[in-house]
Amino acid sequence: MDGDGNPHTSVLLAEVLAWLEPRGGIDYSAIDCTLGAGGHASALLELSSPDGRLIGLDADPRALEIADVRLRQYGARAKLIQANFGELAGLELEPVNAILFDLGLSSMQLDASGRGFSFRGDEPLDMRFDPGSGGPTAADILNTYSESELERILREYGEERQARRIVRALVRRRPISRTGDVVAVFGGAHGRLHPATRTFQALRIAVNDELGALEAGLDAALPLLRQHGRVAVISFHSLEDRIVKWRFRAWADEGRARVLTRKPVGPGTQEKQSNPRARSAKLRVAEKIA
């Protein structure tokens, strides 16, 4: 979602604006399905001034509080809703010109959430985007799931080749309650990619059912677009990008949309240097045609 060390640095911002074409005087409206700190949303509202409207969704109540402060200047043009984009179909929203999904984590979640998204500190192992959701935490999963199920999660959601070895070490360490308990399994030495990276990714995806939510959100997005409306998705790993790629391709085969990005759009050299978390970002865009 957002950039390294700065919760207001939005990934691929210029590219998103170019593809979603916000402008005033045309009854422009958009849905930001992953509001975060409101970076993309504020730019869409600014460029669609004075009458463009935006609905911002986020499952994280803390993100909504931060975005609300940022977007308050736009008054009734911005409407914020606490919801996961997997619930998009049930929100009964009016058709719009543009829908944006910016997947993954924001800097504020990684650096300051206190919910165990990052392995850099020692925090309670929660990982729920919405702590009030009542669903299982990452600690619950690690302490109660069978070894075979944990191995499946790490292989499927983290694409972790060492899943069996890691799971056995984690099970031996039970009970697990904090991020430090997980990191300790990997020892001290590591290269550029921390060896716990894929395990943390897999747990977060499992806790929040991120891939299922993405599929449901995409299925709901196309019917919500006006004719020639566009949906843009920024993904950060191959599991997400694969879902987007095949969903877009299926829409095209059905004659419902055309894919505007033959290959995913990535960040330029300058953005990669100034915002390290943008390096793996991939943007795909489709346009509704029927």
Protein backbone atom coordinates (compact mmCIF):
# COMPACT_ATOMS: atom_id res chain seq x y z
CA MET A 1 0.00 0.00 0.00
CA ASP A 2 2.14 2.81 1.28
CA GLY A 3 5.79 3.67 1.22
CA ASP A 4 8.70 2.89 3.44
CA GLY A 5 8.76 5.06 6.55
CA ASN A 6 6.08 7.40 5.29
CA PRO A 7 2.41 6.42 5.62
CA HIS A 8 1.51 9.07 3.04
CA THR A 9 3.63 7.72 0.18
CA SER A 10 1.29 5.84 -2.15
CA VAL A 11 2.67 3.18 -4.48
CA LEU A 12 2.36 3.77 -8.26
CA LEU A 13 0.36 6.94 -7.64
CA ALA A 14 1.06 8.59 -11.01
CA GLU A 15 0.28 5.37 -12.86
CA VAL A 16 -3.00 4.85 -10.99
CA LEU A 17 -4.12 8.39 -11.76
CA ALA A 18 -3.20 8.04 -15.43
CA TRP A 19 -5.24 4.84 -15.83
CA LEU A 20 -8.26 5.84 -13.70
CA GLU A 21 -8.52 9.29 -15.33
CA PRO A 22 -10.09 11.37 -12.53
CA ARG A 23 -11.41 14.74 -13.66
CA GLY A 24 -14.12 17.20 -12.71
CA GLY A 25 -17.32 18.10 -14.50
CA ILE A 26 -18.25 14.56 -15.58
CA ASP A 27 -19.95 13.19 -12.43
CA TYR A 28 -16.78 11.19 -11.65
CA SER A 29 -17.00 8.68 -8.82
CA ALA A 30 -14.60 6.07 -7.48
CA ILE A 31 -14.26 3.38 -4.83
CA ASP A 32 -10.95 2.94 -3.05
CA CYS A 33 -11.26 -0.59 -1.68
CA THR A 34 -8.08 -0.33 0.43
CA LEU A 35 -8.12 3.21 1.79
CA GLY A 36 -5.07 2.99 4.04
CA ALA A 37 -3.88 6.49 4.94
CA GLY A 38 -5.86 7.98 2.06
CA GLY A 39 -3.03 8.77 -0.35
CA HIS A 40 -4.62 7.46 -3.54
CA ALA A 41 -8.04 8.66 -2.40
CA SER A 42 -6.96 12.25 -1.80
CA ALA A 43 -5.29 12.42 -5.22
CA LEU A 44 -8.42 11.05 -6.93
CA LEU A 45 -10.58 13.60 -5.11
CA GLU A 46 -8.19 16.44 -5.89
CA LEU A 47 -8.11 15.72 -9.62
CA SER A 48 -11.88 15.18 -9.84
CA SER A 49 -12.61 18.50 -8.11
CA PRO A 50 -15.02 20.16 -7.63
CA ASP A 51 -17.71 17.48 -7.87
CA GLY A 52 -15.96 14.08 -7.96
CA ARG A 53 -16.96 11.63 -5.23
CA LEU A 54 -15.16 8.76 -3.55
CA ILE A 55 -16.11 5.92 -1.25
CA GLY A 56 -13.22 4.59 0.81
CA LEU A 57 -13.24 1.12 2.38
CA ASP A 58 -10.86 -0.34 4.91
CA ALA A 59 -11.18 -3.19 7.38
CA ASP A 60 -8.68 -1.54 9.74
CA PRO A 61 -10.42 0.96 12.06
CA ARG A 62 -7.12 2.73 12.76
CA ALA A 63 -6.57 3.31 9.03
CA LEU A 64 -10.03 4.85 8.76
CA GLU A 65 -9.28 7.25 11.61
CA ILE A 66 -6.09 8.44 9.88
CA ALA A 67 -7.74 8.70 6.46
CA ASP A 68 -10.69 10.58 7.92
CA VAL A 69 -8.40 13.36 9.12
CA ARG A 70 -6.74 13.55 5.71
CA LEU A 71 -9.97 13.51 3.68
CA ARG A 72 -12.12 15.70 5.92
CA GLN A 73 -11.35 18.71 3.72
CA TYR A 74 -13.40 17.15 0.92
CA GLY A 75 -16.57 17.10 3.01
CA ALA A 76 -19.47 15.05 1.62
CA ARG A 77 -17.43 14.17 -1.49
CA ALA A 78 -15.65 11.50 0.58
CA LYS A 79 -17.56 8.73 2.36
CA LEU A 80 -15.65 6.23 4.50
CA ILE A 81 -16.89 2.75 5.40
CA GLN A 82 -15.29 0.17 7.67
CA ALA A 83 -15.49 -2.97 5.56
CA ASN A 84 -13.28 -5.56 3.94
CA PHE A 85 -13.38 -5.40 0.15
CA GLY A 86 -14.52 -9.01 0.21
CA GLU A 87 -17.82 -7.58 1.45
CA LEU A 88 -18.13 -5.21 -1.52
CA ALA A 89 -21.13 -7.00 -3.02
CA GLY A 90 -23.22 -6.50 0.12
CA LEU A 91 -22.68 -2.75 0.46
CA GLU A 92 -25.32 -1.82 -2.15
CA LEU A 93 -23.24 0.95 -3.73
CA GLU A 94 -24.10 2.95 -6.84
CA PRO A 95 -22.15 2.32 -10.08
CA VAL A 96 -18.86 4.23 -10.36
CA ASN A 97 -16.22 5.21 -12.91
CA ALA A 98 -13.25 3.65 -11.14
CA ILE A 99 -12.42 1.03 -8.53
CA LEU A 100 -8.97 0.66 -6.96
CA PHE A 101 -7.51 -2.24 -4.98
CA ASP A 102 -4.10 -1.55 -3.42
CA LEU A 103 -3.30 -4.89 -1.80
CA GLY A 104 -0.83 -5.74 0.92
CA LEU A 105 0.16 -3.78 4.01
CA SER A 106 0.62 -0.09 4.67
CA SER A 107 3.66 1.31 6.46
CA MET A 108 1.55 2.20 9.47
CA GLN A 109 0.47 -1.45 9.81
CA LEU A 110 4.03 -2.70 9.52
CA ASP A 111 5.67 -0.05 11.66
CA ALA A 112 3.14 1.02 14.27
CA SER A 113 0.11 -1.26 14.48
CA GLY A 114 1.27 -3.33 17.46
CA ARG A 115 -0.56 -6.31 15.94
CA GLY A 116 2.37 -8.42 14.83
CA PHE A 117 2.45 -7.76 11.09
CA SER A 118 6.21 -7.19 11.14
CA PHE A 119 9.03 -9.40 12.40
CA ARG A 120 11.20 -6.36 13.17
CA GLY A 121 9.79 -5.83 16.66
CA ASP A 122 8.34 -8.09 19.33
CA GLU A 123 4.56 -7.69 19.33
CA PRO A 124 1.46 -9.73 20.15
CA LEU A 125 0.83 -12.13 17.26
CA ASP A 126 -2.60 -10.95 16.11
CA MET A 127 -2.40 -9.98 12.39
CA ARG A 128 -6.12 -9.28 11.99
CA PHE A 129 -6.80 -6.18 9.88
CA ASP A 130 -9.92 -5.68 12.02
CA PRO A 131 -9.10 -6.63 15.62
CA GLY A 132 -12.82 -6.60 16.41
CA SER A 133 -13.69 -9.20 13.80
CA GLY A 134 -13.71 -12.07 16.27
CA GLY A 135 -11.78 -14.36 13.93
CA PRO A 136 -8.71 -16.37 14.93
CA THR A 137 -5.42 -14.56 15.43
CA ALA A 138 -2.10 -15.72 14.01
CA ALA A 139 -1.25 -17.05 17.48
CA ASP A 140 -4.48 -19.06 17.52
CA ILE A 141 -3.57 -20.62 14.19
CA LEU A 142 -0.02 -21.46 15.23
CA ASN A 143 -1.12 -22.99 18.54
CA THR A 144 -4.17 -24.99 17.44
CA TYR A 145 -3.81 -26.03 13.78
CA SER A 146 -2.33 -29.41 12.93
CA GLU A 147 1.15 -29.69 11.51
CA SER A 148 -0.23 -30.71 8.11
CA GLU A 149 -2.57 -27.71 7.98
CA LEU A 150 0.18 -25.30 9.03
CA GLU A 151 2.47 -26.78 6.39
CA ARG A 152 -0.25 -26.28 3.77
CA ILE A 153 -0.64 -22.63 4.80
CA LEU A 154 3.09 -21.94 4.54
CA ARG A 155 3.42 -23.72 1.20
CA GLU A 156 0.27 -22.32 -0.38
CA TYR A 157 0.21 -18.76 0.97
CA GLY A 158 3.92 -18.19 1.56
CA GLU A 159 5.33 -20.34 -1.23
CA GLU A 160 7.77 -21.49 1.44
CA ARG A 161 9.96 -24.42 0.33
CA GLN A 162 11.11 -25.12 3.87
CA ALA A 163 7.55 -25.32 5.21
CA ARG A 164 7.87 -28.73 6.86
CA ARG A 165 11.06 -27.87 8.73
CA ILE A 166 9.69 -24.48 9.85
CA VAL A 167 6.37 -25.93 11.03
CA ARG A 168 8.07 -28.63 13.07
CA ALA A 169 10.21 -26.00 14.80
CA LEU A 170 7.15 -23.82 15.45
CA VAL A 171 5.15 -26.68 16.93
CA ARG A 172 8.04 -27.56 19.24
CA ARG A 173 8.01 -23.96 20.45
CA ARG A 174 4.31 -23.89 21.41
CA PRO A 175 2.70 -21.99 23.07
CA ILE A 176 3.43 -19.08 20.73
CA SER A 177 2.10 -15.61 21.54
CA ARG A 178 4.48 -13.00 20.08
CA THR A 179 6.31 -12.26 16.84
CA GLY A 180 9.61 -12.85 18.61
CA ASP A 181 8.60 -16.47 19.23
CA VAL A 182 8.29 -17.00 15.47
CA VAL A 183 11.46 -15.10 14.56
CA ALA A 184 13.49 -17.11 17.09
CA VAL A 185 12.83 -20.26 15.05
CA PHE A 186 14.88 -18.83 12.18
CA GLY A 187 18.00 -17.93 14.15
CA GLY A 188 20.03 -14.75 13.80
CA ALA A 189 21.79 -14.84 10.44
CA HIS A 190 19.94 -13.84 7.29
CA GLY A 191 20.52 -12.17 3.94
CA ARG A 192 18.59 -9.43 2.16
CA LEU A 193 15.30 -11.32 2.51
CA HIS A 194 14.62 -12.24 6.12
CA PRO A 195 13.88 -16.00 6.32
CA ALA A 196 10.68 -15.28 8.29
CA THR A 197 9.22 -13.13 5.49
CA ARG A 198 7.25 -15.89 3.77
CA THR A 199 5.98 -17.32 7.04
CA PHE A 200 4.63 -13.94 8.15
CA GLN A 201 3.03 -13.43 4.74
CA ALA A 202 1.38 -16.84 4.86
CA LEU A 203 -0.01 -16.31 8.37
CA ARG A 204 -1.39 -12.87 7.51
CA ILE A 205 -3.10 -14.20 4.39
CA ALA A 206 -4.62 -17.08 6.36
CA VAL A 207 -5.81 -14.88 9.23
CA ASN A 208 -7.55 -12.40 6.92
CA ASP A 209 -8.57 -14.82 4.12
CA GLU A 210 -6.93 -12.33 1.77
CA LEU A 211 -7.10 -14.43 -1.39
CA GLY A 212 -10.75 -15.34 -0.88
CA ALA A 213 -11.55 -11.68 -0.18
CA LEU A 214 -9.72 -10.63 -3.36
CA GLU A 215 -11.70 -13.07 -5.48
CA ALA A 216 -14.98 -11.90 -3.93
CA GLY A 217 -14.00 -8.24 -4.30
CA LEU A 218 -13.11 -8.61 -7.97
CA ASP A 219 -16.33 -10.50 -8.67
CA ALA A 220 -18.28 -7.62 -7.11
CA ALA A 221 -16.23 -4.87 -8.75
CA LEU A 222 -17.10 -5.43 -12.40
CA PRO A 223 -20.89 -5.13 -11.93
CA LEU A 224 -20.29 -1.93 -9.93
CA LEU A 225 -18.52 -0.20 -12.82
CA ARG A 226 -20.28 2.08 -15.24
CA GLN A 227 -19.84 1.44 -18.95
CA HIS A 228 -16.13 2.02 -19.75
CA GLY A 229 -15.39 2.24 -16.04
CA ARG A 230 -12.01 0.89 -14.95
CA VAL A 231 -10.75 -1.35 -12.18
CA ALA A 232 -7.09 -1.11 -11.15
CA VAL A 233 -5.33 -3.58 -8.88
CA ILE A 234 -1.89 -3.19 -7.30
CA SER A 235 -0.53 -6.50 -6.04
CA PHE A 236 2.70 -7.31 -4.24
CA HIS A 237 3.20 -11.05 -4.65
CA SER A 238 2.54 -13.71 -7.24
CA LEU A 239 -0.49 -15.25 -5.51
CA GLU A 240 -2.45 -12.01 -5.74
CA ASP A 241 -1.20 -11.12 -9.20
CA ARG A 242 -2.16 -14.54 -10.54
CA ILE A 243 -5.75 -14.16 -9.31
CA VAL A 244 -6.03 -10.70 -10.90
CA LYS A 245 -4.46 -11.82 -14.17
CA TRP A 246 -6.82 -14.78 -14.61
CA ARG A 247 -9.91 -12.86 -13.47
CA PHE A 248 -9.21 -10.13 -15.99
CA ARG A 249 -8.54 -12.70 -18.71
CA ALA A 250 -11.85 -14.47 -17.93
CA TRP A 251 -13.75 -11.18 -18.18
CA ALA A 252 -12.14 -10.52 -21.56
CA ASP A 253 -12.98 -14.01 -22.82
CA GLU A 254 -16.61 -13.46 -21.75
CA GLY A 255 -16.73 -10.13 -23.59
CA ARG A 256 -17.40 -8.21 -20.37
CA ALA A 257 -14.15 -6.24 -20.18
CA ARG A 258 -10.93 -5.55 -22.01
CA VAL A 259 -7.54 -5.75 -20.36
CA LEU A 260 -5.69 -2.45 -20.72
CA THR A 261 -2.34 -3.60 -19.32
CA ARG A 262 -0.95 -6.38 -21.53
CA LYS A 263 1.80 -6.79 -18.94
CA PRO A 264 1.67 -5.54 -15.34
CA VAL A 265 2.96 -2.00 -14.80
CA GLY A 266 5.75 -1.66 -12.25
CA PRO A 267 7.39 1.28 -10.50
CA GLY A 268 10.04 3.37 -12.21
CA THR A 269 13.65 3.54 -11.10
CA GLN A 270 13.12 6.67 -9.03
CA GLU A 271 10.20 5.21 -7.11
CA LYS A 272 12.10 2.00 -6.43
CA GLN A 273 14.96 4.01 -4.96
CA SER A 274 12.81 6.34 -2.86
CA ASN A 275 10.28 3.73 -1.76
CA PRO A 276 11.80 0.24 -1.30
CA ARG A 277 8.42 -1.36 -0.61
CA ALA A 278 7.27 -0.42 -4.10
CA ARG A 279 9.80 -2.71 -5.78
CA SER A 280 7.49 -5.71 -6.03
CA ALA A 281 4.33 -3.74 -6.92
CA LYS A 282 2.43 -4.74 -10.06
CA LEU A 283 -0.49 -2.77 -11.48
CA ARG A 284 -3.12 -4.33 -13.75
CA VAL A 285 -6.09 -2.45 -15.23
CA ALA A 286 -9.26 -3.60 -16.98
CA GLU A 287 -12.14 -1.63 -18.54
CA LYS A 288 -15.79 -2.67 -18.53
CA ILE A 289 -17.23 -2.91 -22.02
CA ALA A 290 -20.60 -4.64 -21.51
